[in-house]
């Protein structure tokens, strides 16, 4: 599940300026600190935020079925390599990089480089979101998407 979260969360970090492919710098400005809802080609969906340190937090519902789960990835999970954003996953044999295509002022499509069929569509989430990891531990991710 952590790999799925990293891939899904990494896709938004990697975006361009107004339309078309985004550079790592474009993606950093467009994505970092903002909350995005996402829906992927296999039905997976959720909400995610990429933090300035490359960590990620959010929710995921694999294949759109079953419970929605809260998850986090540590700092430096997402890293810039040249003009690409890549995921650094300790338990993975690959370190995927992402192709990001800005579709409009509020959204983009992200895919794993070389696997364009494996994509997620991300849209800035402008609502209020609160994710509950447990009854004792709650994490308020956003009161506004434009933080």
N, C-alpha and C. Protein backbone atom coordinates (compact mmCIF):
# COMPACT_ATOMS: atom_id res chain seq x y z
N UNK A 1 0.82 -1.19 0.00
CA UNK A 1 0.00 0.00 0.00
C UNK A 1 0.87 1.26 0.00
N UNK A 2 2.01 1.24 0.71
CA UNK A 2 2.86 2.43 0.75
C UNK A 2 3.39 2.78 -0.63
N UNK A 3 3.67 1.77 -1.45
CA UNK A 3 4.14 2.05 -2.81
C UNK A 3 3.07 2.77 -3.61
N UNK A 4 1.82 2.32 -3.46
CA UNK A 4 0.72 2.96 -4.18
C UNK A 4 0.58 4.40 -3.73
N UNK A 5 0.65 4.64 -2.42
CA UNK A 5 0.55 6.01 -1.90
C UNK A 5 1.68 6.86 -2.47
N UNK A 6 2.89 6.34 -2.48
CA UNK A 6 4.03 7.10 -2.99
C UNK A 6 3.87 7.44 -4.46
N UNK A 7 3.45 6.47 -5.24
CA UNK A 7 3.26 6.71 -6.67
C UNK A 7 2.16 7.73 -6.89
N UNK A 8 1.04 7.54 -6.22
CA UNK A 8 -0.08 8.46 -6.38
C UNK A 8 0.29 9.84 -5.90
N UNK A 9 0.96 9.93 -4.78
CA UNK A 9 1.34 11.22 -4.23
C UNK A 9 2.43 11.88 -5.05
N UNK A 10 3.31 11.11 -5.63
CA UNK A 10 4.40 11.65 -6.42
C UNK A 10 3.95 12.23 -7.72
N UNK A 11 2.89 11.75 -8.25
CA UNK A 11 2.42 12.23 -9.54
C UNK A 11 2.13 13.72 -9.52
N UNK A 12 1.50 14.27 -8.48
CA UNK A 12 1.23 15.69 -8.53
C UNK A 12 2.46 16.55 -8.33
N UNK A 13 3.49 16.04 -7.69
CA UNK A 13 4.67 16.83 -7.38
C UNK A 13 5.46 17.14 -8.62
N UNK A 14 5.34 16.32 -9.57
CA UNK A 14 6.15 16.43 -10.75
C UNK A 14 5.56 17.30 -11.88
N UNK A 15 4.57 18.51 -11.97
CA UNK A 15 3.80 19.23 -13.02
C UNK A 15 4.40 20.39 -13.88
N UNK A 16 3.58 21.28 -15.44
CA UNK A 16 4.00 22.50 -16.14
C UNK A 16 3.25 23.80 -15.81
N UNK A 17 3.55 24.87 -16.49
CA UNK A 17 3.03 26.20 -16.16
C UNK A 17 1.54 26.35 -16.38
N UNK A 18 1.03 26.41 -17.58
CA UNK A 18 -0.41 26.59 -17.79
C UNK A 18 -1.03 25.39 -18.45
N UNK A 19 -0.38 24.81 -19.36
CA UNK A 19 -0.85 23.60 -20.02
C UNK A 19 0.35 22.87 -20.57
N UNK A 20 0.25 21.58 -20.69
CA UNK A 20 1.37 20.80 -21.19
C UNK A 20 2.25 20.30 -20.07
N UNK A 21 3.38 19.74 -20.47
CA UNK A 21 4.28 19.12 -19.50
C UNK A 21 4.86 20.13 -18.51
N UNK A 22 4.93 19.73 -17.26
CA UNK A 22 5.50 20.58 -16.22
C UNK A 22 6.92 20.12 -15.88
N UNK A 23 7.78 21.09 -15.62
CA UNK A 23 9.12 20.80 -15.11
C UNK A 23 9.00 20.58 -13.60
N UNK A 24 10.09 20.13 -12.99
CA UNK A 24 10.09 19.93 -11.54
C UNK A 24 9.83 21.25 -10.82
N UNK A 25 10.38 22.34 -11.32
CA UNK A 25 10.16 23.65 -10.72
C UNK A 25 8.70 24.08 -10.83
N UNK A 26 8.10 23.87 -12.01
CA UNK A 26 6.68 24.18 -12.21
C UNK A 26 5.83 23.39 -11.22
N UNK A 27 6.14 22.11 -11.10
CA UNK A 27 5.37 21.23 -10.22
C UNK A 27 5.47 21.68 -8.77
N UNK A 28 6.66 22.03 -8.35
CA UNK A 28 6.86 22.47 -6.97
C UNK A 28 5.94 23.65 -6.64
N UNK A 29 5.85 24.62 -7.55
CA UNK A 29 5.01 25.80 -7.32
C UNK A 29 3.52 25.47 -7.40
N UNK A 30 3.15 24.58 -8.29
CA UNK A 30 1.75 24.26 -8.51
C UNK A 30 1.17 23.33 -7.45
N UNK A 31 2.00 22.43 -6.91
CA UNK A 31 1.51 21.34 -6.07
C UNK A 31 1.82 21.47 -4.58
N UNK A 32 3.04 21.85 -4.23
CA UNK A 32 3.49 21.79 -2.85
C UNK A 32 2.58 22.56 -1.90
N UNK A 33 2.18 21.86 -0.84
CA UNK A 33 1.37 22.45 0.22
C UNK A 33 -0.12 22.52 -0.07
N UNK A 34 -0.51 22.10 -1.25
CA UNK A 34 -1.94 22.16 -1.62
C UNK A 34 -2.53 20.76 -1.59
N UNK A 35 -3.82 20.70 -1.33
CA UNK A 35 -4.52 19.43 -1.25
C UNK A 35 -5.18 19.13 -2.60
N UNK A 36 -4.98 17.91 -3.10
CA UNK A 36 -5.55 17.48 -4.37
C UNK A 36 -6.37 16.21 -4.18
N UNK A 37 -7.52 16.17 -4.84
CA UNK A 37 -8.24 14.90 -4.94
C UNK A 37 -7.67 14.22 -6.18
N UNK A 38 -7.70 12.89 -6.19
CA UNK A 38 -7.18 12.17 -7.35
C UNK A 38 -8.04 10.96 -7.66
N UNK A 39 -8.03 10.60 -8.93
CA UNK A 39 -8.72 9.41 -9.42
C UNK A 39 -7.80 8.78 -10.46
N UNK A 40 -7.52 7.48 -10.30
CA UNK A 40 -6.56 6.80 -11.16
C UNK A 40 -7.22 5.84 -12.13
N UNK A 41 -6.47 5.43 -13.12
CA UNK A 41 -6.96 4.56 -14.20
C UNK A 41 -7.56 3.26 -13.67
N UNK A 42 -7.09 2.76 -12.52
CA UNK A 42 -7.58 1.48 -11.99
C UNK A 42 -8.71 1.65 -10.97
N UNK A 43 -9.20 2.90 -10.80
CA UNK A 43 -10.28 3.16 -9.85
C UNK A 43 -9.80 3.67 -8.50
N UNK A 44 -8.50 3.60 -8.24
CA UNK A 44 -7.96 4.11 -6.97
C UNK A 44 -8.25 5.61 -6.88
N UNK A 45 -8.60 6.06 -5.67
CA UNK A 45 -8.93 7.48 -5.49
C UNK A 45 -8.60 7.91 -4.07
N UNK A 46 -8.60 9.22 -3.86
CA UNK A 46 -8.31 9.75 -2.53
C UNK A 46 -7.98 11.23 -2.57
N UNK A 47 -7.34 11.67 -1.50
CA UNK A 47 -6.85 13.05 -1.35
C UNK A 47 -5.39 12.96 -0.95
N UNK A 48 -4.56 13.90 -1.43
CA UNK A 48 -3.14 13.86 -1.07
C UNK A 48 -2.56 15.27 -1.07
N UNK A 49 -1.54 15.43 -0.23
CA UNK A 49 -0.78 16.68 -0.15
C UNK A 49 0.70 16.35 -0.13
N UNK A 50 1.46 17.06 -0.97
CA UNK A 50 2.91 16.95 -0.98
C UNK A 50 3.44 18.13 -0.17
N UNK A 51 4.26 17.85 0.82
CA UNK A 51 4.82 18.88 1.69
C UNK A 51 6.17 19.36 1.16
N UNK A 52 6.61 20.55 1.58
CA UNK A 52 7.87 21.11 1.06
C UNK A 52 9.09 20.22 1.25
N UNK A 53 9.08 19.35 2.25
CA UNK A 53 10.23 18.47 2.50
C UNK A 53 10.17 17.17 1.69
N UNK A 54 9.20 17.04 0.80
CA UNK A 54 9.08 15.84 -0.01
C UNK A 54 8.28 14.73 0.65
N UNK A 55 7.75 14.99 1.83
CA UNK A 55 6.87 14.01 2.47
C UNK A 55 5.47 14.15 1.89
N UNK A 56 4.64 13.13 2.13
CA UNK A 56 3.30 13.11 1.57
C UNK A 56 2.34 12.60 2.63
N UNK A 57 1.15 13.18 2.68
CA UNK A 57 0.11 12.62 3.53
C UNK A 57 -1.22 12.72 2.82
N UNK A 58 -2.11 11.79 3.16
CA UNK A 58 -3.41 11.80 2.52
C UNK A 58 -4.15 10.50 2.69
N UNK A 59 -5.18 10.33 1.87
CA UNK A 59 -5.99 9.12 1.93
C UNK A 59 -5.91 8.37 0.62
N UNK A 60 -6.24 7.09 0.70
CA UNK A 60 -6.27 6.25 -0.49
C UNK A 60 -7.35 5.19 -0.33
N UNK A 61 -8.07 4.97 -1.41
CA UNK A 61 -9.04 3.88 -1.49
C UNK A 61 -8.64 3.07 -2.73
N UNK A 62 -7.86 1.99 -2.52
CA UNK A 62 -7.38 1.20 -3.66
C UNK A 62 -8.52 0.66 -4.51
N UNK A 63 -8.40 0.83 -5.81
CA UNK A 63 -9.37 0.37 -6.80
C UNK A 63 -10.79 0.85 -6.53
N UNK A 64 -10.95 1.88 -5.69
CA UNK A 64 -12.26 2.46 -5.42
C UNK A 64 -13.17 1.58 -4.59
N UNK A 65 -12.60 0.56 -3.93
CA UNK A 65 -13.40 -0.36 -3.13
C UNK A 65 -12.82 -0.46 -1.72
N UNK A 66 -13.66 -0.84 -0.81
CA UNK A 66 -13.21 -1.04 0.56
C UNK A 66 -13.02 0.26 1.30
N UNK A 67 -12.39 0.17 2.47
CA UNK A 67 -12.22 1.37 3.30
C UNK A 67 -11.20 2.34 2.72
N UNK A 68 -11.41 3.60 3.01
CA UNK A 68 -10.44 4.63 2.68
C UNK A 68 -9.46 4.69 3.84
N UNK A 69 -8.17 4.69 3.52
CA UNK A 69 -7.15 4.66 4.56
C UNK A 69 -6.31 5.93 4.53
N UNK A 70 -5.87 6.33 5.71
CA UNK A 70 -4.95 7.46 5.84
C UNK A 70 -3.53 6.92 5.81
N UNK A 71 -2.62 7.64 5.15
CA UNK A 71 -1.23 7.21 5.10
C UNK A 71 -0.29 8.38 4.96
N UNK A 72 0.95 8.16 5.30
CA UNK A 72 2.00 9.17 5.16
C UNK A 72 3.25 8.53 4.57
N UNK A 73 4.05 9.35 3.94
CA UNK A 73 5.36 8.94 3.45
C UNK A 73 6.36 9.94 4.04
N UNK A 74 7.56 9.49 4.42
CA UNK A 74 8.52 10.36 5.11
C UNK A 74 9.13 11.44 4.21
N UNK A 75 9.82 12.36 4.85
CA UNK A 75 10.53 13.42 4.13
C UNK A 75 11.45 12.79 3.08
N UNK A 76 11.62 13.49 1.97
CA UNK A 76 12.49 13.09 0.86
C UNK A 76 11.97 11.87 0.10
N UNK A 77 10.71 11.50 0.30
CA UNK A 77 10.11 10.44 -0.52
C UNK A 77 10.08 10.91 -1.97
N UNK A 78 9.73 12.16 -2.18
CA UNK A 78 9.73 12.74 -3.53
C UNK A 78 10.96 13.62 -3.67
N UNK A 79 11.72 13.37 -4.75
CA UNK A 79 12.97 14.09 -4.98
C UNK A 79 13.05 14.54 -6.43
N UNK A 80 13.75 15.62 -6.64
CA UNK A 80 13.97 16.12 -8.00
C UNK A 80 15.24 15.50 -8.55
N UNK A 81 15.13 14.95 -9.76
CA UNK A 81 16.28 14.42 -10.50
C UNK A 81 16.27 15.11 -11.85
N UNK A 82 17.14 16.07 -12.03
CA UNK A 82 17.13 16.87 -13.26
C UNK A 82 15.84 17.66 -13.31
N UNK A 83 15.05 17.46 -14.34
CA UNK A 83 13.75 18.14 -14.46
C UNK A 83 12.59 17.20 -14.19
N UNK A 84 12.83 16.08 -13.58
CA UNK A 84 11.80 15.10 -13.24
C UNK A 84 11.67 15.00 -11.72
N UNK A 85 10.49 14.62 -11.28
CA UNK A 85 10.27 14.30 -9.88
C UNK A 85 10.18 12.79 -9.79
N UNK A 86 10.91 12.22 -8.84
CA UNK A 86 10.97 10.78 -8.68
C UNK A 86 10.64 10.41 -7.24
N UNK A 87 10.18 9.19 -7.05
CA UNK A 87 9.88 8.68 -5.72
C UNK A 87 11.03 7.82 -5.23
N UNK A 88 11.43 8.03 -4.00
CA UNK A 88 12.47 7.23 -3.38
C UNK A 88 11.80 6.32 -2.36
N UNK A 89 11.70 5.05 -2.69
CA UNK A 89 11.01 4.08 -1.85
C UNK A 89 12.01 3.04 -1.35
N UNK A 90 12.22 3.02 -0.05
CA UNK A 90 13.24 2.15 0.55
C UNK A 90 13.05 0.68 0.19
N UNK A 91 11.84 0.19 0.15
CA UNK A 91 11.60 -1.24 -0.07
C UNK A 91 11.35 -1.59 -1.53
N UNK A 92 11.59 -0.66 -2.43
CA UNK A 92 11.29 -0.89 -3.85
C UNK A 92 12.57 -1.08 -4.66
N UNK A 93 12.50 -1.95 -5.66
CA UNK A 93 13.65 -2.15 -6.53
C UNK A 93 13.74 -1.08 -7.61
N UNK A 94 12.65 -0.32 -7.83
CA UNK A 94 12.68 0.78 -8.79
C UNK A 94 12.39 2.09 -8.07
N UNK A 95 12.89 3.15 -8.62
CA UNK A 95 12.63 4.49 -8.12
C UNK A 95 11.91 5.24 -9.24
N UNK A 96 10.57 5.15 -9.29
CA UNK A 96 9.83 5.70 -10.43
C UNK A 96 9.92 7.22 -10.53
N UNK A 97 9.97 7.70 -11.76
CA UNK A 97 9.89 9.13 -12.04
C UNK A 97 8.55 9.37 -12.74
N UNK A 98 8.13 10.63 -12.76
CA UNK A 98 6.78 10.93 -13.21
C UNK A 98 6.75 11.95 -14.34
N UNK A 99 5.80 11.75 -15.25
CA UNK A 99 5.48 12.68 -16.31
C UNK A 99 4.22 13.40 -15.86
N UNK A 100 4.27 14.72 -15.83
CA UNK A 100 3.13 15.52 -15.37
C UNK A 100 2.67 16.46 -16.47
N UNK A 101 1.38 16.42 -16.71
CA UNK A 101 0.79 17.22 -17.78
C UNK A 101 -0.31 18.08 -17.17
N UNK A 102 -0.10 19.38 -17.14
CA UNK A 102 -1.10 20.28 -16.58
C UNK A 102 -2.26 20.39 -17.56
N UNK A 103 -3.47 20.10 -17.07
CA UNK A 103 -4.63 20.09 -17.95
C UNK A 103 -5.42 21.39 -17.89
N UNK A 104 -5.36 22.11 -16.78
CA UNK A 104 -5.97 23.44 -16.65
C UNK A 104 -5.42 24.12 -15.40
N UNK A 105 -6.00 25.24 -15.01
CA UNK A 105 -5.48 26.02 -13.88
C UNK A 105 -5.58 25.30 -12.55
N UNK A 106 -6.42 24.29 -12.45
CA UNK A 106 -6.65 23.59 -11.18
C UNK A 106 -6.28 22.12 -11.20
N UNK A 107 -5.85 21.58 -12.33
CA UNK A 107 -5.64 20.13 -12.37
C UNK A 107 -4.50 19.72 -13.30
N UNK A 108 -4.11 18.45 -13.14
CA UNK A 108 -3.07 17.88 -13.99
C UNK A 108 -3.25 16.37 -14.03
N UNK A 109 -2.60 15.75 -14.99
CA UNK A 109 -2.56 14.29 -15.09
C UNK A 109 -1.12 13.88 -14.87
N UNK A 110 -0.92 12.88 -14.03
CA UNK A 110 0.41 12.36 -13.77
C UNK A 110 0.48 10.90 -14.13
N UNK A 111 1.61 10.51 -14.73
CA UNK A 111 1.82 9.10 -15.05
C UNK A 111 3.27 8.75 -14.78
N UNK A 112 3.51 7.46 -14.60
CA UNK A 112 4.87 7.00 -14.40
C UNK A 112 5.57 7.08 -15.76
N UNK A 113 6.75 7.69 -15.80
CA UNK A 113 7.48 7.82 -17.06
C UNK A 113 7.62 6.47 -17.73
N UNK A 114 7.22 6.41 -19.00
CA UNK A 114 7.30 5.18 -19.77
C UNK A 114 6.07 4.30 -19.66
N UNK A 115 5.16 4.63 -18.75
CA UNK A 115 3.93 3.85 -18.56
C UNK A 115 2.73 4.79 -18.62
N UNK A 116 2.52 5.42 -19.76
CA UNK A 116 1.47 6.44 -19.88
C UNK A 116 0.07 5.92 -19.60
N UNK A 117 -0.15 4.61 -19.70
CA UNK A 117 -1.47 4.05 -19.41
C UNK A 117 -1.75 4.06 -17.91
N UNK A 118 -0.71 4.13 -17.09
CA UNK A 118 -0.85 4.13 -15.63
C UNK A 118 -0.84 5.58 -15.15
N UNK A 119 -2.02 6.20 -15.10
CA UNK A 119 -2.11 7.62 -14.78
C UNK A 119 -3.10 7.88 -13.65
N UNK A 120 -2.98 9.07 -13.08
CA UNK A 120 -3.97 9.58 -12.13
C UNK A 120 -4.27 11.01 -12.53
N UNK A 121 -5.53 11.41 -12.40
CA UNK A 121 -5.94 12.79 -12.63
C UNK A 121 -6.08 13.46 -11.27
N UNK A 122 -5.44 14.62 -11.12
CA UNK A 122 -5.43 15.36 -9.86
C UNK A 122 -6.16 16.68 -10.05
N UNK A 123 -7.02 17.03 -9.09
CA UNK A 123 -7.75 18.30 -9.11
C UNK A 123 -7.61 18.95 -7.75
N UNK A 124 -7.27 20.25 -7.76
CA UNK A 124 -7.12 20.96 -6.49
C UNK A 124 -8.41 20.85 -5.70
N UNK A 125 -8.28 20.46 -4.44
CA UNK A 125 -9.42 20.28 -3.55
C UNK A 125 -9.59 21.57 -2.76
N UNK A 126 -10.71 22.26 -2.97
CA UNK A 126 -10.93 23.55 -2.33
C UNK A 126 -11.80 23.46 -1.08
N UNK A 127 -12.17 22.28 -0.69
CA UNK A 127 -13.00 22.12 0.50
C UNK A 127 -12.17 21.95 1.74
N UNK A 128 -12.83 21.70 2.82
CA UNK A 128 -12.16 21.45 4.09
C UNK A 128 -12.05 19.95 4.26
N UNK A 129 -10.87 19.48 4.58
CA UNK A 129 -10.66 18.04 4.72
C UNK A 129 -10.02 17.72 6.06
N UNK A 130 -10.51 16.70 6.69
CA UNK A 130 -9.92 16.21 7.93
C UNK A 130 -9.83 14.69 7.81
N UNK A 131 -8.63 14.18 8.00
CA UNK A 131 -8.41 12.76 7.91
C UNK A 131 -8.17 12.22 9.29
N UNK A 132 -8.80 11.13 9.61
CA UNK A 132 -8.67 10.53 10.93
C UNK A 132 -7.87 9.24 10.80
N UNK A 133 -6.72 9.19 11.47
CA UNK A 133 -5.90 7.99 11.45
C UNK A 133 -6.39 7.03 12.53
N UNK A 134 -6.75 7.54 13.68
CA UNK A 134 -7.32 6.75 14.75
C UNK A 134 -8.17 7.68 15.59
N UNK A 135 -8.90 7.13 16.55
CA UNK A 135 -9.74 7.98 17.39
C UNK A 135 -8.89 8.95 18.19
N UNK A 136 -7.71 8.53 18.64
CA UNK A 136 -6.86 9.38 19.48
C UNK A 136 -5.98 10.31 18.66
N UNK A 137 -5.75 9.97 17.41
CA UNK A 137 -4.82 10.75 16.60
C UNK A 137 -5.49 11.26 15.34
N UNK A 138 -5.71 12.56 15.28
CA UNK A 138 -6.33 13.16 14.11
C UNK A 138 -5.34 14.12 13.46
N UNK A 139 -5.42 14.22 12.16
CA UNK A 139 -4.53 15.12 11.44
C UNK A 139 -5.36 16.01 10.54
N UNK A 140 -5.33 17.28 10.81
CA UNK A 140 -6.03 18.24 9.96
C UNK A 140 -5.10 18.60 8.81
N UNK A 141 -5.46 18.17 7.62
CA UNK A 141 -4.61 18.42 6.47
C UNK A 141 -4.84 19.78 5.85
N UNK A 142 -6.10 20.23 5.89
CA UNK A 142 -6.34 21.49 5.20
C UNK A 142 -7.59 22.18 5.68
N UNK A 143 -7.49 23.46 5.87
CA UNK A 143 -8.70 24.27 6.05
C UNK A 143 -8.98 24.99 4.76
N UNK A 144 -7.94 25.14 3.97
CA UNK A 144 -8.08 25.73 2.65
C UNK A 144 -7.01 25.16 1.74
N UNK A 145 -7.30 24.99 0.52
CA UNK A 145 -6.34 24.41 -0.43
C UNK A 145 -5.29 25.41 -0.84
N UNK A 146 -5.47 26.68 -0.58
CA UNK A 146 -4.52 27.70 -1.02
C UNK A 146 -3.58 28.14 0.09
N UNK A 147 -3.28 27.29 1.00
CA UNK A 147 -2.36 27.62 2.09
C UNK A 147 -0.99 27.92 1.58
